[in-house]
PDB file of N, CA and C in Angstrom:
ATOM      1  N   MET A   1      95.724  73.000  94.354  1.00  0.00           N
ATOM      2  CA  MET A   1      96.386  73.402  95.578  1.00  0.00           C
ATOM      3  C   MET A   1      97.126  72.187  96.124  1.00  0.00           C
ATOM      4  N   ASN A   2      98.372  72.371  96.474  1.00  0.00           N
ATOM      5  CA  ASN A   2      99.195  71.309  97.014  1.00  0.00           C
ATOM      6  C   ASN A   2      99.086  71.330  98.537  1.00  0.00           C
ATOM      7  N   PHE A   3      98.374  70.354  99.096  1.00  0.00           N
ATOM      8  CA  PHE A   3      98.138  70.353 100.537  1.00  0.00           C
ATOM      9  C   PHE A   3      99.397  70.039 101.330  1.00  0.00           C
ATOM     10  N   LYS A   4     100.383  69.383 100.700  1.00  0.00           N
ATOM     11  CA  LYS A   4     101.635  69.101 101.401  1.00  0.00           C
ATOM     12  C   LYS A   4     102.391  70.385 101.706  1.00  0.00           C
ATOM     13  N   LYS A   5     102.219  71.405 100.883  1.00  0.00           N
ATOM     14  CA  LYS A   5     102.913  72.676 101.079  1.00  0.00           C
ATOM     15  C   LYS A   5     102.004  73.733 101.693  1.00  0.00           C
ATOM     16  N   PHE A   6     100.831  73.326 102.126  1.00  0.00           N
ATOM     17  CA  PHE A   6      99.889  74.264 102.732  1.00  0.00           C
ATOM     18  C   PHE A   6     100.452  74.698 104.073  1.00  0.00           C
ATOM     19  N   ASN A   7     100.729  75.978 104.236  1.00  0.00           N
ATOM     20  CA  ASN A   7     101.345  76.449 105.467  1.00  0.00           C
ATOM     21  C   ASN A   7     100.454  77.442 106.199  1.00  0.00           C
ATOM     22  N   PHE A   8     100.971  77.947 107.263  1.00  0.00           N
ATOM     23  CA  PHE A   8     100.223  78.873 108.107  1.00  0.00           C
ATOM     24  C   PHE A   8      99.774  80.120 107.345  1.00  0.00           C
ATOM     25  N   PHE A   9     100.637  80.655 106.493  1.00  0.00           N
ATOM     26  CA  PHE A   9     100.301  81.871 105.761  1.00  0.00           C
ATOM     27  C   PHE A   9      99.238  81.616 104.696  1.00  0.00           C
ATOM     28  N   GLN A  10      99.259  80.446 104.096  1.00  0.00           N
ATOM     29  CA  GLN A  10      98.182  80.095 103.175  1.00  0.00           C
ATOM     30  C   GLN A  10      96.863  79.967 103.929  1.00  0.00           C
ATOM     31  N   PHE A  11      96.921  79.365 105.115  1.00  0.00           N
ATOM     32  CA  PHE A  11      95.728  79.273 105.949  1.00  0.00           C
ATOM     33  C   PHE A  11      95.182  80.664 106.257  1.00  0.00           C
ATOM     34  N   LEU A  12      96.074  81.587 106.646  1.00  0.00           N
ATOM     35  CA  LEU A  12      95.636  82.956 106.925  1.00  0.00           C
ATOM     36  C   LEU A  12      95.005  83.593 105.694  1.00  0.00           C
ATOM     37  N   GLY A  13      95.596  83.371 104.527  1.00  0.00           N
ATOM     38  CA  GLY A  13      95.040  83.917 103.286  1.00  0.00           C
ATOM     39  C   GLY A  13      93.651  83.387 103.006  1.00  0.00           C
ATOM     40  N   TRP A  14      93.495  82.077 103.102  1.00  0.00           N
ATOM     41  CA  TRP A  14      92.181  81.483 102.875  1.00  0.00           C
ATOM     42  C   TRP A  14      91.173  81.968 103.912  1.00  0.00           C
ATOM     43  N   PHE A  15      91.558  81.908 105.174  1.00  0.00           N
ATOM     44  CA  PHE A  15      90.655  82.280 106.255  1.00  0.00           C
ATOM     45  C   PHE A  15      90.235  83.745 106.147  1.00  0.00           C
ATOM     46  N   GLY A  16      91.194  84.616 105.917  1.00  0.00           N
ATOM     47  CA  GLY A  16      90.884  86.037 105.783  1.00  0.00           C
ATOM     48  C   GLY A  16      89.985  86.328 104.599  1.00  0.00           C
ATOM     49  N   ASN A  17      90.255  85.722 103.471  1.00  0.00           N
ATOM     50  CA  ASN A  17      89.442  85.979 102.291  1.00  0.00           C
ATOM     51  C   ASN A  17      88.058  85.356 102.389  1.00  0.00           C
ATOM     52  N   ILE A  18      87.940  84.237 103.078  1.00  0.00           N
ATOM     53  CA  ILE A  18      86.609  83.658 103.305  1.00  0.00           C
ATOM     54  C   ILE A  18      85.798  84.585 104.213  1.00  0.00           C
ATOM     55  N   ILE A  19      86.431  85.107 105.265  1.00  0.00           N
ATOM     56  CA  ILE A  19      85.733  86.056 106.151  1.00  0.00           C
ATOM     57  C   ILE A  19      85.285  87.285 105.361  1.00  0.00           C
ATOM     58  N   LEU A  20      86.169  87.826 104.517  1.00  0.00           N
ATOM     59  CA  LEU A  20      85.800  88.992 103.708  1.00  0.00           C
ATOM     60  C   LEU A  20      84.664  88.664 102.735  1.00  0.00           C
ATOM     61  N   SER A  21      84.684  87.461 102.184  1.00  0.00           N
ATOM     62  CA  SER A  21      83.622  87.064 101.253  1.00  0.00           C
ATOM     63  C   SER A  21      82.292  86.922 101.966  1.00  0.00           C
ATOM     64  N   ILE A  22      82.312  86.319 103.136  1.00  0.00           N
ATOM     65  CA  ILE A  22      81.080  86.105 103.897  1.00  0.00           C
ATOM     66  C   ILE A  22      80.586  87.423 104.505  1.00  0.00           C
ATOM     67  N   GLY A  23      81.502  88.321 104.820  1.00  0.00           N
ATOM     68  CA  GLY A  23      81.150  89.557 105.508  1.00  0.00           C
ATOM     69  C   GLY A  23      80.170  90.446 104.773  1.00  0.00           C
ATOM     70  N   VAL A  24      80.085  90.313 103.476  1.00  0.00           N
ATOM     71  CA  VAL A  24      79.177  91.158 102.704  1.00  0.00           C
ATOM     72  C   VAL A  24      77.740  90.611 102.720  1.00  0.00           C
ATOM     73  N   PHE A  25      77.573  89.334 103.048  1.00  0.00           N
ATOM     74  CA  PHE A  25      76.242  88.726 102.978  1.00  0.00           C
ATOM     75  C   PHE A  25      75.213  89.330 103.928  1.00  0.00           C
ATOM     76  N   PRO A  26      75.549  89.688 105.168  1.00  0.00           N
ATOM     77  CA  PRO A  26      74.523  90.311 106.013  1.00  0.00           C
ATOM     78  C   PRO A  26      73.945  91.587 105.397  1.00  0.00           C
ATOM     79  N   GLN A  27      74.784  92.400 104.774  1.00  0.00           N
ATOM     80  CA  GLN A  27      74.285  93.628 104.148  1.00  0.00           C
ATOM     81  C   GLN A  27      73.423  93.318 102.931  1.00  0.00           C
ATOM     82  N   VAL A  28      73.855  92.367 102.130  1.00  0.00           N
ATOM     83  CA  VAL A  28      73.061  91.975 100.961  1.00  0.00           C
ATOM     84  C   VAL A  28      71.715  91.412 101.402  1.00  0.00           C
ATOM     85  N   TYR A  29      71.718  90.558 102.422  1.00  0.00           N
ATOM     86  CA  TYR A  29      70.479  89.962 102.927  1.00  0.00           C
ATOM     87  C   TYR A  29      69.544  91.040 103.485  1.00  0.00           C
ATOM     88  N   GLN A  30      70.093  91.950 104.277  1.00  0.00           N
ATOM     89  CA  GLN A  30      69.281  93.037 104.846  1.00  0.00           C
ATOM     90  C   GLN A  30      68.669  93.881 103.733  1.00  0.00           C
ATOM     91  N   THR A  31      69.461  94.199 102.735  1.00  0.00           N
ATOM     92  CA  THR A  31      68.968  95.007 101.613  1.00  0.00           C
ATOM     93  C   THR A  31      67.906  94.246 100.836  1.00  0.00           C
ATOM     94  N   TRP A  32      68.100  92.959 100.644  1.00  0.00           N
ATOM     95  CA  TRP A  32      67.143  92.120  99.928  1.00  0.00           C
ATOM     96  C   TRP A  32      65.789  92.121 100.650  1.00  0.00           C
ATOM     97  N   LEU A  33      65.826  91.999 101.984  1.00  0.00           N
ATOM     98  CA  LEU A  33      64.581  91.932 102.754  1.00  0.00           C
ATOM     99  C   LEU A  33      63.884  93.279 102.870  1.00  0.00           C
ATOM    100  N   THR A  34      64.631  94.320 103.170  1.00  0.00           N
ATOM    101  CA  THR A  34      64.020  95.604 103.509  1.00  0.00           C
ATOM    102  C   THR A  34      63.935  96.592 102.353  1.00  0.00           C
ATOM    103  N   HIS A  35      64.735  96.370 101.330  1.00  0.00           N
ATOM    104  CA  HIS A  35      64.844  97.315 100.205  1.00  0.00           C
ATOM    105  C   HIS A  35      65.295  98.693 100.672  1.00  0.00           C
ATOM    106  N   ASP A  36      65.891  98.748 101.856  1.00  0.00           N
ATOM    107  CA  ASP A  36      66.365 100.024 102.403  1.00  0.00           C
ATOM    108  C   ASP A  36      67.790 100.282 101.918  1.00  0.00           C
ATOM    109  N   VAL A  37      67.931 101.260 101.050  1.00  0.00           N
ATOM    110  CA  VAL A  37      69.237 101.601 100.480  1.00  0.00           C
ATOM    111  C   VAL A  37      69.596 103.070 100.754  1.00  0.00           C
ATOM    112  N   ASP A  38      68.822 103.719 101.601  1.00  0.00           N
ATOM    113  CA  ASP A  38      69.038 105.144 101.843  1.00  0.00           C
ATOM    114  C   ASP A  38      70.407 105.448 102.439  1.00  0.00           C
ATOM    115  N   SER A  39      70.954 104.521 103.205  1.00  0.00           N
ATOM    116  CA  SER A  39      72.240 104.798 103.854  1.00  0.00           C
ATOM    117  C   SER A  39      73.439 104.595 102.926  1.00  0.00           C
ATOM    118  N   PHE A  40      73.227 104.033 101.750  1.00  0.00           N
ATOM    119  CA  PHE A  40      74.323 103.834 100.801  1.00  0.00           C
ATOM    120  C   PHE A  40      74.510 105.094  99.964  1.00  0.00           C
ATOM    121  N   SER A  41      75.718 105.602  99.945  1.00  0.00           N
ATOM    122  CA  SER A  41      75.984 106.730  99.051  1.00  0.00           C
ATOM    123  C   SER A  41      76.411 106.177  97.699  1.00  0.00           C
ATOM    124  N   TRP A  42      76.004 106.869  96.643  1.00  0.00           N
ATOM    125  CA  TRP A  42      76.376 106.446  95.294  1.00  0.00           C
ATOM    126  C   TRP A  42      77.887 106.412  95.124  1.00  0.00           C
ATOM    127  N   SER A  43      78.568 107.408  95.666  1.00  0.00           N
ATOM    128  CA  SER A  43      80.017 107.451  95.488  1.00  0.00           C
ATOM    129  C   SER A  43      80.685 106.232  96.136  1.00  0.00           C
ATOM    130  N   PHE A  44      80.260 105.860  97.327  1.00  0.00           N
ATOM    131  CA  PHE A  44      80.812 104.677  97.984  1.00  0.00           C
ATOM    132  C   PHE A  44      80.546 103.425  97.153  1.00  0.00           C
ATOM    133  N   LEU A  45      79.289 103.219  96.785  1.00  0.00           N
ATOM    134  CA  LEU A  45      78.932 101.998  96.056  1.00  0.00           C
ATOM    135  C   LEU A  45      79.681 101.878  94.732  1.00  0.00           C
ATOM    136  N   LEU A  46      79.746 102.957  93.979  1.00  0.00           N
ATOM    137  CA  LEU A  46      80.408 102.880  92.675  1.00  0.00           C
ATOM    138  C   LEU A  46      81.917 102.715  92.813  1.00  0.00           C
ATOM    139  N   MET A  47      82.517 103.420  93.766  1.00  0.00           N
ATOM    140  CA  MET A  47      83.957 103.237  93.967  1.00  0.00           C
ATOM    141  C   MET A  47      84.264 101.822  94.441  1.00  0.00           C
ATOM    142  N   TRP A  48      83.456 101.288  95.350  1.00  0.00           N
ATOM    143  CA  TRP A  48      83.663  99.928  95.844  1.00  0.00           C
ATOM    144  C   TRP A  48      83.472  98.920  94.702  1.00  0.00           C
ATOM    145  N   ALA A  49      82.397  99.063  93.935  1.00  0.00           N
ATOM    146  CA  ALA A  49      82.100  98.116  92.860  1.00  0.00           C
ATOM    147  C   ALA A  49      83.208  98.092  91.814  1.00  0.00           C
ATOM    148  N   PHE A  50      83.607  99.251  91.337  1.00  0.00           N
ATOM    149  CA  PHE A  50      84.644  99.265  90.308  1.00  0.00           C
ATOM    150  C   PHE A  50      86.015  98.947  90.890  1.00  0.00           C
ATOM    151  N   GLY A  51      86.237  99.270  92.151  1.00  0.00           N
ATOM    152  CA  GLY A  51      87.491  98.901  92.804  1.00  0.00           C
ATOM    153  C   GLY A  51      87.672  97.397  92.878  1.00  0.00           C
ATOM    154  N   VAL A  52      86.630  96.670  93.308  1.00  0.00           N
ATOM    155  CA  VAL A  52      86.759  95.210  93.383  1.00  0.00           C
ATOM    156  C   VAL A  52      86.828  94.595  91.987  1.00  0.00           C
ATOM    157  N   LEU A  53      86.102  95.157  91.037  1.00  0.00           N
ATOM    158  CA  LEU A  53      86.158  94.641  89.666  1.00  0.00           C
ATOM    159  C   LEU A  53      87.549  94.812  89.067  1.00  0.00           C
ATOM    160  N   PHE A  54      88.099  96.004  89.149  1.00  0.00           N
ATOM    161  CA  PHE A  54      89.417  96.258  88.560  1.00  0.00           C
ATOM    162  C   PHE A  54      90.511  95.470  89.280  1.00  0.00           C
ATOM    163  N   THR A  55      90.391  95.326  90.598  1.00  0.00           N
ATOM    164  CA  THR A  55      91.375  94.538  91.334  1.00  0.00           C
ATOM    165  C   THR A  55      91.293  93.068  90.948  1.00  0.00           C
ATOM    166  N   PHE A  56      90.085  92.552  90.750  1.00  0.00           N
ATOM    167  CA  PHE A  56      89.900  91.164  90.310  1.00  0.00           C
ATOM    168  C   PHE A  56      90.561  90.947  88.953  1.00  0.00           C
ATOM    169  N   VAL A  57      90.354  91.861  88.024  1.00  0.00           N
ATOM    170  CA  VAL A  57      90.959  91.750  86.697  1.00  0.00           C
ATOM    171  C   VAL A  57      92.484  91.783  86.814  1.00  0.00           C
ATOM    172  N   TYR A  58      92.998  92.669  87.648  1.00  0.00           N
ATOM    173  CA  TYR A  58      94.449  92.758  87.852  1.00  0.00           C
ATOM    174  C   TYR A  58      94.998  91.445  88.411  1.00  0.00           C
ATOM    175  N   ILE A  59      94.360  90.919  89.458  1.00  0.00           N
ATOM    176  CA  ILE A  59      94.832  89.678  90.078  1.00  0.00           C
ATOM    177  C   ILE A  59      94.774  88.530  89.078  1.00  0.00           C
ATOM    178  N   LEU A  60      93.676  88.438  88.331  1.00  0.00           N
ATOM    179  CA  LEU A  60      93.534  87.382  87.337  1.00  0.00           C
ATOM    180  C   LEU A  60      94.614  87.494  86.262  1.00  0.00           C
ATOM    181  N   HIS A  61      94.854  88.683  85.762  1.00  0.00           N
ATOM    182  CA  HIS A  61      95.892  88.893  84.746  1.00  0.00           C
ATOM    183  C   HIS A  61      97.271  88.538  85.300  1.00  0.00           C
ATOM    184  N   ASP A  62      97.578  89.017  86.491  1.00  0.00           N
ATOM    185  CA  ASP A  62      98.880  88.741  87.094  1.00  0.00           C
ATOM    186  C   ASP A  62      99.057  87.248  87.357  1.00  0.00           C
ATOM    187  N   ASN A  63      97.995  86.580  87.815  1.00  0.00           N
ATOM    188  CA  ASN A  63      98.063  85.143  88.073  1.00  0.00           C
ATOM    189  C   ASN A  63      98.330  84.369  86.790  1.00  0.00           C
ATOM    190  N   GLN A  64      97.700  84.778  85.692  1.00  0.00           N
ATOM    191  CA  GLN A  64      97.919  84.104  84.413  1.00  0.00           C
ATOM    192  C   GLN A  64      99.341  84.331  83.923  1.00  0.00           C
ATOM    193  N   LYS A  65      99.873  85.510  84.171  1.00  0.00           N
ATOM    194  CA  LYS A  65     101.216  85.847  83.718  1.00  0.00           C
ATOM    195  C   LYS A  65     102.269  84.979  84.415  1.00  0.00           C
ATOM    196  N   VAL A  66     102.122  84.797  85.720  1.00  0.00           N
ATOM    197  CA  VAL A  66     103.109  84.011  86.477  1.00  0.00           C
ATOM    198  C   VAL A  66     102.717  82.541  86.596  1.00  0.00           C
ATOM    199  N   LYS A  67     101.571  82.172  86.028  1.00  0.00           N
ATOM    200  CA  LYS A  67     101.073  80.785  86.042  1.00  0.00           C
ATOM    201  C   LYS A  67     100.890  80.238  87.462  1.00  0.00           C
ATOM    202  N   LYS A  68     100.482  81.116  88.362  1.00  0.00           N
ATOM    203  CA  LYS A  68     100.188  80.706  89.733  1.00  0.00           C
ATOM    204  C   LYS A  68      98.924  81.435  90.170  1.00  0.00           C
ATOM    205  N   TYR A  69      97.904  80.681  90.534  1.00  0.00           N
ATOM    206  CA  TYR A  69      96.619  81.278  90.871  1.00  0.00           C
ATOM    207  C   TYR A  69      96.465  81.412  92.382  1.00  0.00           C
ATOM    208  N   GLN A  70      96.085  82.585  92.796  1.00  0.00           N
ATOM    209  CA  GLN A  70      95.838  82.868  94.205  1.00  0.00           C
ATOM    210  C   GLN A  70      94.335  82.729  94.446  1.00  0.00           C
ATOM    211  N   TRP A  71      93.903  81.495  94.633  1.00  0.00           N
ATOM    212  CA  TRP A  71      92.478  81.195  94.723  1.00  0.00           C
ATOM    213  C   TRP A  71      91.759  81.935  95.848  1.00  0.00           C
ATOM    214  N   PRO A  72      92.359  82.127  97.016  1.00  0.00           N
ATOM    215  CA  PRO A  72      91.630  82.878  98.049  1.00  0.00           C
ATOM    216  C   PRO A  72      91.286  84.297  97.608  1.00  0.00           C
ATOM    217  N   LEU A  73      92.227  84.977  96.955  1.00  0.00           N
ATOM    218  CA  LEU A  73      91.954  86.338  96.475  1.00  0.00           C
ATOM    219  C   LEU A  73      90.902  86.337  95.384  1.00  0.00           C
ATOM    220  N   LEU A  74      91.003  85.392  94.463  1.00  0.00           N
ATOM    221  CA  LEU A  74      90.027  85.325  93.370  1.00  0.00           C
ATOM    222  C   LEU A  74      88.625  85.058  93.911  1.00  0.00           C
ATOM    223  N   LEU A  75      88.518  84.140  94.878  1.00  0.00           N
ATOM    224  CA  LEU A  75      87.217  83.855  95.494  1.00  0.00           C
ATOM    225  C   LEU A  75      86.651  85.105  96.160  1.00  0.00           C
ATOM    226  N   ASN A  76      87.466  85.762  96.960  1.00  0.00           N
ATOM    227  CA  ASN A  76      87.015  86.949  97.673  1.00  0.00           C
ATOM    228  C   ASN A  76      86.516  88.020  96.710  1.00  0.00           C
ATOM    229  N   TYR A  77      87.314  88.341  95.718  1.00  0.00           N
ATOM    230  CA  TYR A  77      86.927  89.417  94.809  1.00  0.00           C
ATOM    231  C   TYR A  77      85.744  89.027  93.934  1.00  0.00           C
ATOM    232  N   PHE A  78      85.650  87.764  93.534  1.00  0.00           N
ATOM    233  CA  PHE A  78      84.506  87.322  92.736  1.00  0.00           C
ATOM    234  C   PHE A  78      83.205  87.468  93.529  1.00  0.00           C
ATOM    235  N   VAL A  79      83.213  87.001  94.765  1.00  0.00           N
ATOM    236  CA  VAL A  79      82.016  87.116  95.616  1.00  0.00           C
ATOM    237  C   VAL A  79      81.676  88.585  95.852  1.00  0.00           C
ATOM    238  N   ASN A  80      82.691  89.406  96.118  1.00  0.00           N
ATOM    239  CA  ASN A  80      82.443  90.827  96.362  1.00  0.00           C
ATOM    240  C   ASN A  80      81.945  91.561  95.121  1.00  0.00           C
ATOM    241  N   ILE A  81      82.385  91.150  93.946  1.00  0.00           N
ATOM    242  CA  ILE A  81      81.870  91.751  92.709  1.00  0.00           C
ATOM    243  C   ILE A  81      80.374  91.506  92.600  1.00  0.00           C
ATOM    244  N   ILE A  82      79.970  90.275  92.783  1.00  0.00           N
ATOM    245  CA  ILE A  82      78.545  89.933  92.679  1.00  0.00           C
ATOM    246  C   ILE A  82      77.738  90.688  93.737  1.00  0.00           C
ATOM    247  N   ALA A  83      78.198  90.654  94.984  1.00  0.00           N
ATOM    248  CA  ALA A  83      77.457  91.301  96.075  1.00  0.00           C
ATOM    249  C   ALA A  83      77.400  92.814  95.895  1.00  0.00           C
ATOM    250  N   THR A  84      78.510  93.409  95.532  1.00  0.00           N
ATOM    251  CA  THR A  84      78.543  94.863  95.405  1.00  0.00           C
ATOM    252  C   THR A  84      77.707  95.345  94.237  1.00  0.00           C
ATOM    253  N   PHE A  85      77.772  94.635  93.122  1.00  0.00           N
ATOM    254  CA  PHE A  85      76.942  95.052  91.999  1.00  0.00           C
ATOM    255  C   PHE A  85      75.459  94.824  92.281  1.00  0.00           C
ATOM    256  N   TYR A  86      75.121  93.831  93.135  1.00  0.00           N
ATOM    257  CA  TYR A  86      73.732  93.711  93.570  1.00  0.00           C
ATOM    258  C   TYR A  86      73.331  94.950  94.373  1.00  0.00           C
ATOM    259  N   LEU A  87      74.203  95.408  95.273  1.00  0.00           N
ATOM    260  CA  LEU A  87      73.880  96.587  96.076  1.00  0.00           C
ATOM    261  C   LEU A  87      73.739  97.833  95.200  1.00  0.00           C
ATOM    262  N   VAL A  88      74.561  97.952  94.163  1.00  0.00           N
ATOM    263  CA  VAL A  88      74.416  99.064  93.208  1.00  0.00           C
ATOM    264  C   VAL A  88      73.067  98.954  92.499  1.00  0.00           C
ATOM    265  N   PHE A  89      72.732  97.748  92.058  1.00  0.00           N
ATOM    266  CA  PHE A  89      71.447  97.509  91.401  1.00  0.00           C
ATOM    267  C   PHE A  89      70.286  97.856  92.344  1.00  0.00           C
ATOM    268  N   ALA A  90      70.390  97.419  93.587  1.00  0.00           N
ATOM    269  CA  ALA A  90      69.331  97.690  94.575  1.00  0.00           C
ATOM    270  C   ALA A  90      69.199  99.192  94.823  1.00  0.00           C
ATOM    271  N   LYS A  91      70.320  99.880  94.907  1.00  0.00           N
ATOM    272  CA  LYS A  91      70.278 101.337  95.120  1.00  0.00           C
ATOM    273  C   LYS A  91      69.568 102.007  93.944  1.00  0.00           C
ATOM    274  N   PHE A  92      69.846 101.541  92.752  1.00  0.00           N
ATOM    275  CA  PHE A  92      69.216 102.106  91.554  1.00  0.00           C
ATOM    276  C   PHE A  92      67.713 101.814  91.533  1.00  0.00           C
ATOM    277  N   ILE A  93      67.330 100.597  91.850  1.00  0.00           N
ATOM    278  CA  ILE A  93      65.914 100.177  91.785  1.00  0.00           C
ATOM    279  C   ILE A  93      65.089 100.746  92.932  1.00  0.00           C
ATOM    280  N   TYR A  94      65.626 100.709  94.150  1.00  0.00           N
ATOM    281  CA  TYR A  94      64.830 101.045  95.328  1.00  0.00           C
ATOM    282  C   TYR A  94      64.931 102.506  95.765  1.00  0.00           C
ATOM    283  N   SER A  95      65.783 103.282  95.130  1.00  0.00           N
ATOM    284  CA  SER A  95      65.892 104.701  95.516  1.00  0.00           C
ATOM    285  C   SER A  95      64.745 105.504  94.947  1.00  0.00           C
TER     286      SER A  95
END
């Protein structure tokens, strides 16, 4: 990342994606402690999990094609993939 060219919009991208990445942790933590997964619908969890996975693959492929990596997006989707698949796993185990 070139800090000399770091502008307001890059800041917004990083800040927004960090918030989105952190935003999933309270739910993961609550699920980890309580094992309560009754409020999660299978359709929501599976659509969310595969949606973030497929979007991550798309972003990664597109970034490689243009030789420019959008690290805030990659970070956000990577964290969300791990968190969402944990919630799918928890729903499967604790239901």
